[in-house]
Amino acid sequence: MEEEAKALTREVPSGLNACLQRKRKRGDGGSASLSPFLRMQSCRDALSKLDTLGWARSYHQRLFHEDFLVCMAA
């Protein structure tokens, strides 16, 4: 019973977080040393990568994500 509960509550890694961690390991920035616009482009690149890997974002999700990025950069 406990094993089933653990299996159901396991954490799913964040795709964006994984992308930023890889950039930090390669030494090309990561989120700490990026300007706001480079960070925004990094988020766009990560979302595009997820789109190509089969994650289905609806039209409205895409609009929300873009508006959110623009809002946070303002």
PDB file of N, CA and C in Angstrom:
ATOM      1  N   MET A   1       0.813  -1.191   0.000  1.00  0.00           N
ATOM      2  CA  MET A   1       0.000   0.000   0.000  1.00  0.00           C
ATOM      3  C   MET A   1       0.860   1.260   0.000  1.00  0.00           C
ATOM      4  N   GLU A   2       1.913   1.281   0.823  1.00  0.00           N
ATOM      5  CA  GLU A   2       2.781   2.449   0.897  1.00  0.00           C
ATOM      6  C   GLU A   2       3.544   2.650  -0.406  1.00  0.00           C
ATOM      7  N   GLU A   3       3.938   1.552  -1.035  1.00  0.00           N
ATOM      8  CA  GLU A   3       4.667   1.649  -2.295  1.00  0.00           C
ATOM      9  C   GLU A   3       3.787   2.260  -3.380  1.00  0.00           C
ATOM     10  N   GLU A   4       2.508   1.915  -3.387  1.00  0.00           N
ATOM     11  CA  GLU A   4       1.586   2.487  -4.359  1.00  0.00           C
ATOM     12  C   GLU A   4       1.433   3.983  -4.129  1.00  0.00           C
ATOM     13  N   ALA A   5       1.341   4.385  -2.870  1.00  0.00           N
ATOM     14  CA  ALA A   5       1.216   5.806  -2.545  1.00  0.00           C
ATOM     15  C   ALA A   5       2.463   6.565  -2.974  1.00  0.00           C
ATOM     16  N   LYS A   6       3.633   5.993  -2.761  1.00  0.00           N
ATOM     17  CA  LYS A   6       4.874   6.644  -3.176  1.00  0.00           C
ATOM     18  C   LYS A   6       4.932   6.777  -4.694  1.00  0.00           C
ATOM     19  N   ALA A   7       4.477   5.756  -5.395  1.00  0.00           N
ATOM     20  CA  ALA A   7       4.493   5.788  -6.853  1.00  0.00           C
ATOM     21  C   ALA A   7       3.562   6.873  -7.389  1.00  0.00           C
ATOM     22  N   LEU A   8       2.449   7.092  -6.715  1.00  0.00           N
ATOM     23  CA  LEU A   8       1.487   8.088  -7.168  1.00  0.00           C
ATOM     24  C   LEU A   8       1.925   9.510  -6.840  1.00  0.00           C
ATOM     25  N   THR A   9       2.753   9.666  -5.811  1.00  0.00           N
ATOM     26  CA  THR A   9       3.131  11.006  -5.379  1.00  0.00           C
ATOM     27  C   THR A   9       4.532  11.405  -5.813  1.00  0.00           C
ATOM     28  N   ARG A  10       5.155  10.636  -6.679  1.00  0.00           N
ATOM     29  CA  ARG A  10       6.506  10.993  -7.106  1.00  0.00           C
ATOM     30  C   ARG A  10       6.472  12.311  -7.872  1.00  0.00           C
ATOM     31  N   GLU A  11       7.543  13.056  -7.774  1.00  0.00           N
ATOM     32  CA  GLU A  11       7.616  14.344  -8.431  1.00  0.00           C
ATOM     33  C   GLU A  11       8.025  14.183  -9.889  1.00  0.00           C
ATOM     34  N   VAL A  12       7.394  14.957 -10.735  1.00  0.00           N
ATOM     35  CA  VAL A  12       7.732  14.976 -12.153  1.00  0.00           C
ATOM     36  C   VAL A  12       8.681  16.149 -12.362  1.00  0.00           C
ATOM     37  N   PRO A  13       9.851  15.910 -12.927  1.00  0.00           N
ATOM     38  CA  PRO A  13      10.816  17.000 -13.092  1.00  0.00           C
ATOM     39  C   PRO A  13      10.316  18.059 -14.076  1.00  0.00           C
ATOM     40  N   SER A  14      10.650  19.293 -13.796  1.00  0.00           N
ATOM     41  CA  SER A  14      10.267  20.404 -14.652  1.00  0.00           C
ATOM     42  C   SER A  14      11.162  20.440 -15.884  1.00  0.00           C
ATOM     43  N   GLY A  15      10.553  20.519 -17.054  1.00  0.00           N
ATOM     44  CA  GLY A  15      11.330  20.584 -18.289  1.00  0.00           C
ATOM     45  C   GLY A  15      12.155  21.858 -18.379  1.00  0.00           C
ATOM     46  N   LEU A  16      11.585  22.983 -17.957  1.00  0.00           N
ATOM     47  CA  LEU A  16      12.306  24.246 -17.989  1.00  0.00           C
ATOM     48  C   LEU A  16      13.471  24.221 -17.012  1.00  0.00           C
ATOM     49  N   ASN A  17      13.237  23.680 -15.829  1.00  0.00           N
ATOM     50  CA  ASN A  17      14.293  23.582 -14.824  1.00  0.00           C
ATOM     51  C   ASN A  17      15.438  22.703 -15.339  1.00  0.00           C
ATOM     52  N   ALA A  18      15.108  21.605 -15.992  1.00  0.00           N
ATOM     53  CA  ALA A  18      16.131  20.707 -16.535  1.00  0.00           C
ATOM     54  C   ALA A  18      16.962  21.424 -17.601  1.00  0.00           C
ATOM     55  N   CYS A  19      16.315  22.222 -18.438  1.00  0.00           N
ATOM     56  CA  CYS A  19      17.020  22.969 -19.474  1.00  0.00           C
ATOM     57  C   CYS A  19      17.985  23.973 -18.847  1.00  0.00           C
ATOM     58  N   LEU A  20      17.539  24.700 -17.830  1.00  0.00           N
ATOM     59  CA  LEU A  20      18.408  25.674 -17.170  1.00  0.00           C
ATOM     60  C   LEU A  20      19.561  24.992 -16.451  1.00  0.00           C
ATOM     61  N   GLN A  21      19.318  23.829 -15.858  1.00  0.00           N
ATOM     62  CA  GLN A  21      20.393  23.102 -15.187  1.00  0.00           C
ATOM     63  C   GLN A  21      21.456  22.654 -16.181  1.00  0.00           C
ATOM     64  N   ARG A  22      21.033  22.202 -17.362  1.00  0.00           N
ATOM     65  CA  ARG A  22      22.008  21.811 -18.388  1.00  0.00           C
ATOM     66  C   ARG A  22      22.850  23.003 -18.821  1.00  0.00           C
ATOM     67  N   LYS A  23      22.224  24.187 -18.948  1.00  0.00           N
ATOM     68  CA  LYS A  23      22.976  25.380 -19.325  1.00  0.00           C
ATOM     69  C   LYS A  23      23.991  25.738 -18.249  1.00  0.00           C
ATOM     70  N   ARG A  24      23.612  25.596 -16.983  1.00  0.00           N
ATOM     71  CA  ARG A  24      24.547  25.891 -15.893  1.00  0.00           C
ATOM     72  C   ARG A  24      25.733  24.935 -15.930  1.00  0.00           C
ATOM     73  N   LYS A  25      25.465  23.656 -16.190  1.00  0.00           N
ATOM     74  CA  LYS A  25      26.547  22.670 -16.234  1.00  0.00           C
ATOM     75  C   LYS A  25      27.499  22.941 -17.385  1.00  0.00           C
ATOM     76  N   ARG A  26      26.958  23.405 -18.529  1.00  0.00           N
ATOM     77  CA  ARG A  26      27.804  23.709 -19.682  1.00  0.00           C
ATOM     78  C   ARG A  26      28.572  25.008 -19.473  1.00  0.00           C
ATOM     79  N   GLY A  27      28.103  25.830 -18.531  1.00  0.00           N
ATOM     80  CA  GLY A  27      28.789  27.081 -18.260  1.00  0.00           C
ATOM     81  C   GLY A  27      28.374  28.232 -19.146  1.00  0.00           C
ATOM     82  N   ASP A  28      27.237  28.114 -19.834  1.00  0.00           N
ATOM     83  CA  ASP A  28      26.798  29.217 -20.688  1.00  0.00           C
ATOM     84  C   ASP A  28      25.656  30.001 -20.052  1.00  0.00           C
ATOM     85  N   GLY A  29      25.770  30.243 -18.778  1.00  0.00           N
ATOM     86  CA  GLY A  29      24.801  31.122 -18.149  1.00  0.00           C
ATOM     87  C   GLY A  29      24.046  30.495 -17.015  1.00  0.00           C
ATOM     88  N   GLY A  30      22.918  29.926 -17.316  1.00  0.00           N
ATOM     89  CA  GLY A  30      22.012  29.567 -16.256  1.00  0.00           C
ATOM     90  C   GLY A  30      21.209  30.805 -15.923  1.00  0.00           C
ATOM     91  N   SER A  31      20.299  30.716 -15.002  1.00  0.00           N
ATOM     92  CA  SER A  31      19.414  31.849 -14.757  1.00  0.00           C
ATOM     93  C   SER A  31      20.064  32.962 -13.960  1.00  0.00           C
ATOM     94  N   ALA A  32      21.114  32.685 -13.180  1.00  0.00           N
ATOM     95  CA  ALA A  32      21.692  33.702 -12.311  1.00  0.00           C
ATOM     96  C   ALA A  32      22.431  34.782 -13.092  1.00  0.00           C
ATOM     97  N   SER A  33      23.059  34.436 -14.200  1.00  0.00           N
ATOM     98  CA  SER A  33      23.879  35.408 -14.919  1.00  0.00           C
ATOM     99  C   SER A  33      23.221  35.943 -16.187  1.00  0.00           C
ATOM    100  N   LEU A  34      21.974  35.637 -16.418  1.00  0.00           N
ATOM    101  CA  LEU A  34      21.304  36.084 -17.631  1.00  0.00           C
ATOM    102  C   LEU A  34      20.609  37.419 -17.419  1.00  0.00           C
ATOM    103  N   SER A  35      20.643  38.251 -18.455  1.00  0.00           N
ATOM    104  CA  SER A  35      19.852  39.476 -18.424  1.00  0.00           C
ATOM    105  C   SER A  35      18.378  39.071 -18.558  1.00  0.00           C
ATOM    106  N   PRO A  36      17.460  39.966 -18.213  1.00  0.00           N
ATOM    107  CA  PRO A  36      16.032  39.608 -18.325  1.00  0.00           C
ATOM    108  C   PRO A  36      15.617  39.166 -19.726  1.00  0.00           C
ATOM    109  N   PHE A  37      16.155  39.817 -20.755  1.00  0.00           N
ATOM    110  CA  PHE A  37      15.758  39.453 -22.118  1.00  0.00           C
ATOM    111  C   PHE A  37      16.360  38.126 -22.552  1.00  0.00           C
ATOM    112  N   LEU A  38      17.582  37.847 -22.105  1.00  0.00           N
ATOM    113  CA  LEU A  38      18.167  36.542 -22.412  1.00  0.00           C
ATOM    114  C   LEU A  38      17.441  35.437 -21.655  1.00  0.00           C
ATOM    115  N   ARG A  39      17.027  35.728 -20.422  1.00  0.00           N
ATOM    116  CA  ARG A  39      16.266  34.752 -19.654  1.00  0.00           C
ATOM    117  C   ARG A  39      14.925  34.481 -20.324  1.00  0.00           C
ATOM    118  N   MET A  40      14.282  35.544 -20.840  1.00  0.00           N
ATOM    119  CA  MET A  40      13.004  35.389 -21.525  1.00  0.00           C
ATOM    120  C   MET A  40      13.189  34.538 -22.784  1.00  0.00           C
ATOM    121  N   GLN A  41      14.270  34.772 -23.525  1.00  0.00           N
ATOM    122  CA  GLN A  41      14.531  33.971 -24.727  1.00  0.00           C
ATOM    123  C   GLN A  41      14.833  32.524 -24.360  1.00  0.00           C
ATOM    124  N   SER A  42      15.520  32.330 -23.245  1.00  0.00           N
ATOM    125  CA  SER A  42      15.807  30.976 -22.782  1.00  0.00           C
ATOM    126  C   SER A  42      14.511  30.232 -22.459  1.00  0.00           C
ATOM    127  N   CYS A  43      13.564  30.925 -21.842  1.00  0.00           N
ATOM    128  CA  CYS A  43      12.263  30.311 -21.553  1.00  0.00           C
ATOM    129  C   CYS A  43      11.526  29.979 -22.845  1.00  0.00           C
ATOM    130  N   ARG A  44      11.573  30.887 -23.807  1.00  0.00           N
ATOM    131  CA  ARG A  44      10.931  30.620 -25.108  1.00  0.00           C
ATOM    132  C   ARG A  44      11.566  29.407 -25.786  1.00  0.00           C
ATOM    133  N   ASP A  45      12.893  29.342 -25.724  1.00  0.00           N
ATOM    134  CA  ASP A  45      13.591  28.207 -26.332  1.00  0.00           C
ATOM    135  C   ASP A  45      13.204  26.897 -25.655  1.00  0.00           C
ATOM    136  N   ALA A  46      13.099  26.919 -24.323  1.00  0.00           N
ATOM    137  CA  ALA A  46      12.724  25.709 -23.594  1.00  0.00           C
ATOM    138  C   ALA A  46      11.294  25.295 -23.934  1.00  0.00           C
ATOM    139  N   LEU A  47      10.372  26.259 -24.039  1.00  0.00           N
ATOM    140  CA  LEU A  47       8.992  25.934 -24.411  1.00  0.00           C
ATOM    141  C   LEU A  47       8.930  25.383 -25.833  1.00  0.00           C
ATOM    142  N   SER A  48       9.724  25.940 -26.730  1.00  0.00           N
ATOM    143  CA  SER A  48       9.760  25.431 -28.111  1.00  0.00           C
ATOM    144  C   SER A  48      10.286  24.001 -28.145  1.00  0.00           C
ATOM    145  N   LYS A  49      11.306  23.740 -27.335  1.00  0.00           N
ATOM    146  CA  LYS A  49      11.865  22.387 -27.257  1.00  0.00           C
ATOM    147  C   LYS A  49      10.806  21.405 -26.758  1.00  0.00           C
ATOM    148  N   LEU A  50      10.053  21.812 -25.722  1.00  0.00           N
ATOM    149  CA  LEU A  50       8.988  20.935 -25.214  1.00  0.00           C
ATOM    150  C   LEU A  50       7.925  20.693 -26.273  1.00  0.00           C
ATOM    151  N   ASP A  51       7.625  21.728 -27.067  1.00  0.00           N
ATOM    152  CA  ASP A  51       6.640  21.568 -28.147  1.00  0.00           C
ATOM    153  C   ASP A  51       7.105  20.525 -29.157  1.00  0.00           C
ATOM    154  N   THR A  52       8.395  20.543 -29.484  1.00  0.00           N
ATOM    155  CA  THR A  52       8.903  19.597 -30.470  1.00  0.00           C
ATOM    156  C   THR A  52       9.006  18.180 -29.913  1.00  0.00           C
ATOM    157  N   LEU A  53       9.048  18.055 -28.578  1.00  0.00           N
ATOM    158  CA  LEU A  53       9.152  16.732 -27.968  1.00  0.00           C
ATOM    159  C   LEU A  53       7.793  16.086 -27.703  1.00  0.00           C
ATOM    160  N   GLY A  54       6.731  16.732 -28.163  1.00  0.00           N
ATOM    161  CA  GLY A  54       5.421  16.111 -28.065  1.00  0.00           C
ATOM    162  C   GLY A  54       4.506  16.645 -26.984  1.00  0.00           C
ATOM    163  N   TRP A  55       4.949  17.649 -26.228  1.00  0.00           N
ATOM    164  CA  TRP A  55       4.051  18.247 -25.241  1.00  0.00           C
ATOM    165  C   TRP A  55       3.022  19.061 -25.997  1.00  0.00           C
ATOM    166  N   ALA A  56       1.765  18.850 -25.701  1.00  0.00           N
ATOM    167  CA  ALA A  56       0.698  19.546 -26.414  1.00  0.00           C
ATOM    168  C   ALA A  56       0.232  20.749 -25.593  1.00  0.00           C
ATOM    169  N   ARG A  57       0.587  21.949 -26.078  1.00  0.00           N
ATOM    170  CA  ARG A  57       0.070  23.169 -25.461  1.00  0.00           C
ATOM    171  C   ARG A  57      -1.031  23.692 -26.362  1.00  0.00           C
ATOM    172  N   SER A  58      -2.130  24.082 -25.748  1.00  0.00           N
ATOM    173  CA  SER A  58      -3.236  24.613 -26.542  1.00  0.00           C
ATOM    174  C   SER A  58      -2.897  26.026 -27.022  1.00  0.00           C
ATOM    175  N   TYR A  59      -3.711  26.514 -27.927  1.00  0.00           N
ATOM    176  CA  TYR A  59      -3.538  27.872 -28.444  1.00  0.00           C
ATOM    177  C   TYR A  59      -3.545  28.872 -27.295  1.00  0.00           C
ATOM    178  N   HIS A  60      -4.471  28.708 -26.359  1.00  0.00           N
ATOM    179  CA  HIS A  60      -4.581  29.639 -25.242  1.00  0.00           C
ATOM    180  C   HIS A  60      -3.411  29.512 -24.266  1.00  0.00           C
ATOM    181  N   GLN A  61      -2.882  28.321 -24.112  1.00  0.00           N
ATOM    182  CA  GLN A  61      -1.690  28.169 -23.279  1.00  0.00           C
ATOM    183  C   GLN A  61      -0.507  28.900 -23.898  1.00  0.00           C
ATOM    184  N   ARG A  62      -0.390  28.784 -25.215  1.00  0.00           N
ATOM    185  CA  ARG A  62       0.699  29.493 -25.896  1.00  0.00           C
ATOM    186  C   ARG A  62       0.560  31.004 -25.727  1.00  0.00           C
ATOM    187  N   LEU A  63      -0.658  31.514 -25.872  1.00  0.00           N
ATOM    188  CA  LEU A  63      -0.887  32.945 -25.665  1.00  0.00           C
ATOM    189  C   LEU A  63      -0.554  33.350 -24.229  1.00  0.00           C
ATOM    190  N   PHE A  64      -1.004  32.553 -23.275  1.00  0.00           N
ATOM    191  CA  PHE A  64      -0.731  32.849 -21.873  1.00  0.00           C
ATOM    192  C   PHE A  64       0.770  32.870 -21.604  1.00  0.00           C
ATOM    193  N   HIS A  65       1.494  31.868 -22.073  1.00  0.00           N
ATOM    194  CA  HIS A  65       2.932  31.801 -21.819  1.00  0.00           C
ATOM    195  C   HIS A  65       3.653  33.000 -22.425  1.00  0.00           C
ATOM    196  N   GLU A  66       3.280  33.378 -23.639  1.00  0.00           N
ATOM    197  CA  GLU A  66       3.934  34.522 -24.267  1.00  0.00           C
ATOM    198  C   GLU A  66       3.600  35.812 -23.525  1.00  0.00           C
ATOM    199  N   ASP A  67       2.330  35.998 -23.173  1.00  0.00           N
ATOM    200  CA  ASP A  67       1.943  37.195 -22.434  1.00  0.00           C
ATOM    201  C   ASP A  67       2.603  37.256 -21.061  1.00  0.00           C
ATOM    202  N   PHE A  68       2.738  36.112 -20.436  1.00  0.00           N
ATOM    203  CA  PHE A  68       3.394  36.041 -19.123  1.00  0.00           C
ATOM    204  C   PHE A  68       4.856  36.461 -19.252  1.00  0.00           C
ATOM    205  N   LEU A  69       5.549  35.963 -20.266  1.00  0.00           N
ATOM    206  CA  LEU A  69       6.958  36.323 -20.462  1.00  0.00           C
ATOM    207  C   LEU A  69       7.118  37.815 -20.725  1.00  0.00           C
ATOM    208  N   VAL A  70       6.239  38.368 -21.546  1.00  0.00           N
ATOM    209  CA  VAL A  70       6.305  39.806 -21.850  1.00  0.00           C
ATOM    210  C   VAL A  70       6.006  40.624 -20.592  1.00  0.00           C
ATOM    211  N   CYS A  71       5.024  40.201 -19.827  1.00  0.00           N
ATOM    212  CA  CYS A  71       4.649  40.894 -18.596  1.00  0.00           C
ATOM    213  C   CYS A  71       5.799  40.904 -17.603  1.00  0.00           C
ATOM    214  N   MET A  72       6.479  39.788 -17.473  1.00  0.00           N
ATOM    215  CA  MET A  72       7.572  39.682 -16.496  1.00  0.00           C
ATOM    216  C   MET A  72       8.800  40.478 -16.929  1.00  0.00           C
ATOM    217  N   ALA A  73       8.943  40.742 -18.221  1.00  0.00           N
ATOM    218  CA  ALA A  73      10.091  41.504 -18.702  1.00  0.00           C
ATOM    219  C   ALA A  73       9.852  43.009 -18.614  1.00  0.00           C
ATOM    220  N   ALA A  74       8.590  43.394 -18.485  1.00  0.00           N
ATOM    221  CA  ALA A  74       8.256  44.834 -18.447  1.00  0.00           C
ATOM    222  C   ALA A  74       8.550  45.455 -17.104  1.00  0.00           C
TER     223      ALA A  74
END
